[in-house]
């Protein structure tokens, strides 16, 4: 059997300048979101940070 050429298509995803306003909502009030998540999951955060601090 001979080799057959395979057609390849490249797809590039990008945000238009008009839609980048939507992304700002992710960074809005970021410290409060992090504090809220850590306070909800403080046991998991402790188990994550203890080995990191212990090895340093």
N, C-alpha and C. Protein backbone atom coordinates (compact mmCIF):
# COMPACT_ATOMS: atom_id res chain seq x y z
N UNK A 1 0.84 -1.19 0.00
CA UNK A 1 0.00 0.00 0.00
C UNK A 1 0.88 1.24 0.00
N UNK A 2 0.49 2.20 -0.80
CA UNK A 2 1.24 3.44 -0.85
C UNK A 2 0.77 4.42 0.20
N UNK A 3 1.59 5.37 0.49
CA UNK A 3 1.23 6.39 1.47
C UNK A 3 0.37 7.45 0.78
N UNK A 4 -0.67 7.86 1.47
CA UNK A 4 -1.55 8.89 0.94
C UNK A 4 -1.31 10.18 1.70
N UNK A 5 -1.30 11.31 1.01
CA UNK A 5 -1.12 12.59 1.72
C UNK A 5 -2.34 12.89 2.59
N UNK A 6 -2.05 13.42 3.76
CA UNK A 6 -3.11 13.77 4.70
C UNK A 6 -3.22 15.28 4.76
N UNK A 7 -4.44 15.77 4.61
CA UNK A 7 -4.65 17.22 4.66
C UNK A 7 -4.68 17.66 6.12
N UNK A 8 -3.91 18.67 6.43
CA UNK A 8 -3.86 19.20 7.79
C UNK A 8 -4.44 20.60 7.77
N UNK A 9 -5.14 20.93 8.83
CA UNK A 9 -5.70 22.27 8.94
C UNK A 9 -5.32 22.83 10.31
N UNK A 10 -4.74 24.01 10.31
CA UNK A 10 -4.36 24.66 11.57
C UNK A 10 -5.48 25.60 11.99
N UNK A 11 -5.83 25.53 13.26
CA UNK A 11 -6.87 26.39 13.81
C UNK A 11 -6.24 27.25 14.89
N UNK A 12 -6.41 28.55 14.77
CA UNK A 12 -5.84 29.49 15.73
C UNK A 12 -6.99 30.20 16.42
N UNK A 13 -6.99 30.15 17.75
CA UNK A 13 -8.01 30.83 18.53
C UNK A 13 -7.41 32.09 19.13
N UNK A 14 -8.17 33.17 19.09
CA UNK A 14 -7.71 34.43 19.67
C UNK A 14 -8.93 35.24 20.10
N UNK A 15 -8.72 36.11 21.06
CA UNK A 15 -9.78 37.01 21.49
C UNK A 15 -9.69 38.30 20.71
N UNK A 16 -10.82 38.76 20.27
CA UNK A 16 -10.81 40.05 19.60
C UNK A 16 -10.67 41.14 20.66
N UNK A 17 -10.22 42.33 20.28
CA UNK A 17 -10.09 43.41 21.26
C UNK A 17 -11.42 43.79 21.89
N UNK A 18 -12.52 43.50 21.21
CA UNK A 18 -13.83 43.87 21.73
C UNK A 18 -14.29 42.89 22.81
N UNK A 19 -13.77 41.68 22.82
CA UNK A 19 -14.20 40.69 23.80
C UNK A 19 -13.26 40.58 24.98
N UNK A 20 -12.20 41.33 25.02
CA UNK A 20 -11.26 41.24 26.13
C UNK A 20 -11.79 41.91 27.39
N UNK A 21 -12.86 42.68 27.28
CA UNK A 21 -13.47 43.27 28.46
C UNK A 21 -14.05 42.18 29.35
N UNK A 22 -14.45 41.07 28.77
CA UNK A 22 -15.03 39.97 29.53
C UNK A 22 -13.99 39.37 30.47
N UNK A 23 -12.74 39.32 30.04
CA UNK A 23 -11.68 38.70 30.83
C UNK A 23 -11.36 39.49 32.09
N UNK A 24 -11.68 40.77 32.13
CA UNK A 24 -11.35 41.57 33.31
C UNK A 24 -12.13 41.10 34.54
N UNK A 25 -13.27 40.47 34.34
CA UNK A 25 -14.06 39.98 35.46
C UNK A 25 -13.36 38.88 36.24
N UNK A 26 -12.45 38.17 35.59
CA UNK A 26 -11.72 37.11 36.29
C UNK A 26 -10.75 37.68 37.31
N UNK A 27 -10.21 38.85 37.04
CA UNK A 27 -9.19 39.44 37.91
C UNK A 27 -9.81 40.41 38.92
N UNK A 28 -11.11 40.66 38.81
CA UNK A 28 -11.76 41.61 39.70
C UNK A 28 -11.86 41.00 41.10
N UNK A 29 -11.38 41.71 42.08
CA UNK A 29 -11.46 41.30 43.48
C UNK A 29 -10.77 39.95 43.72
N UNK A 30 -9.61 39.76 43.10
CA UNK A 30 -8.89 38.49 43.19
C UNK A 30 -8.43 38.16 44.62
N UNK A 31 -7.87 39.10 45.39
CA UNK A 31 -7.45 38.74 46.76
C UNK A 31 -8.61 38.26 47.63
N UNK A 32 -9.77 38.85 47.47
CA UNK A 32 -10.92 38.42 48.27
C UNK A 32 -11.37 37.02 47.87
N UNK A 33 -11.29 36.72 46.57
CA UNK A 33 -11.67 35.37 46.12
C UNK A 33 -10.70 34.33 46.66
N UNK A 34 -9.41 34.65 46.65
CA UNK A 34 -8.41 33.71 47.16
C UNK A 34 -8.60 33.50 48.66
N UNK A 35 -8.83 34.59 49.40
CA UNK A 35 -9.06 34.48 50.84
C UNK A 35 -10.29 33.64 51.14
N UNK A 36 -11.35 33.84 50.36
CA UNK A 36 -12.58 33.07 50.56
C UNK A 36 -12.35 31.58 50.30
N UNK A 37 -11.63 31.26 49.23
CA UNK A 37 -11.38 29.86 48.91
C UNK A 37 -10.50 29.20 49.98
N UNK A 38 -9.49 29.93 50.47
CA UNK A 38 -8.60 29.36 51.49
C UNK A 38 -9.36 29.17 52.80
N UNK A 39 -10.23 30.13 53.15
CA UNK A 39 -10.97 29.98 54.40
C UNK A 39 -11.98 28.84 54.32
N UNK A 40 -12.51 28.57 53.12
CA UNK A 40 -13.41 27.43 52.97
C UNK A 40 -12.64 26.11 53.04
N UNK A 41 -11.45 26.09 52.48
CA UNK A 41 -10.68 24.86 52.37
C UNK A 41 -9.37 24.95 53.14
N UNK A 42 -9.41 25.40 54.39
CA UNK A 42 -8.17 25.64 55.11
C UNK A 42 -7.43 24.35 55.43
N UNK A 43 -8.14 23.25 55.59
CA UNK A 43 -7.45 21.98 55.86
C UNK A 43 -6.65 21.55 54.64
N UNK A 44 -7.26 21.64 53.47
CA UNK A 44 -6.55 21.27 52.24
C UNK A 44 -5.39 22.22 51.99
N UNK A 45 -5.60 23.51 52.27
CA UNK A 45 -4.53 24.48 52.07
C UNK A 45 -3.36 24.21 53.02
N UNK A 46 -3.67 23.81 54.25
CA UNK A 46 -2.62 23.48 55.22
C UNK A 46 -1.82 22.26 54.77
N UNK A 47 -2.53 21.25 54.28
CA UNK A 47 -1.85 20.04 53.82
C UNK A 47 -1.02 20.31 52.57
N UNK A 48 -1.40 21.30 51.79
CA UNK A 48 -0.62 21.66 50.61
C UNK A 48 0.61 22.48 51.00
N UNK A 49 0.44 23.45 51.89
CA UNK A 49 1.52 24.38 52.20
C UNK A 49 2.54 23.82 53.19
N UNK A 50 2.15 22.92 54.07
CA UNK A 50 3.07 22.38 55.07
C UNK A 50 4.28 21.69 54.45
N UNK A 51 4.12 20.80 53.48
CA UNK A 51 5.32 20.19 52.87
C UNK A 51 6.18 21.20 52.12
N UNK A 52 5.53 22.19 51.52
CA UNK A 52 6.30 23.19 50.79
C UNK A 52 7.16 24.02 51.73
N UNK A 53 6.57 24.44 52.86
CA UNK A 53 7.32 25.23 53.83
C UNK A 53 8.35 24.35 54.54
N UNK A 54 8.01 23.10 54.80
CA UNK A 54 8.92 22.20 55.50
C UNK A 54 10.17 21.87 54.71
N UNK A 55 10.04 21.82 53.38
CA UNK A 55 11.22 21.52 52.57
C UNK A 55 12.08 22.74 52.34
N UNK A 56 11.53 23.92 52.58
CA UNK A 56 12.31 25.13 52.39
C UNK A 56 13.09 25.40 53.65
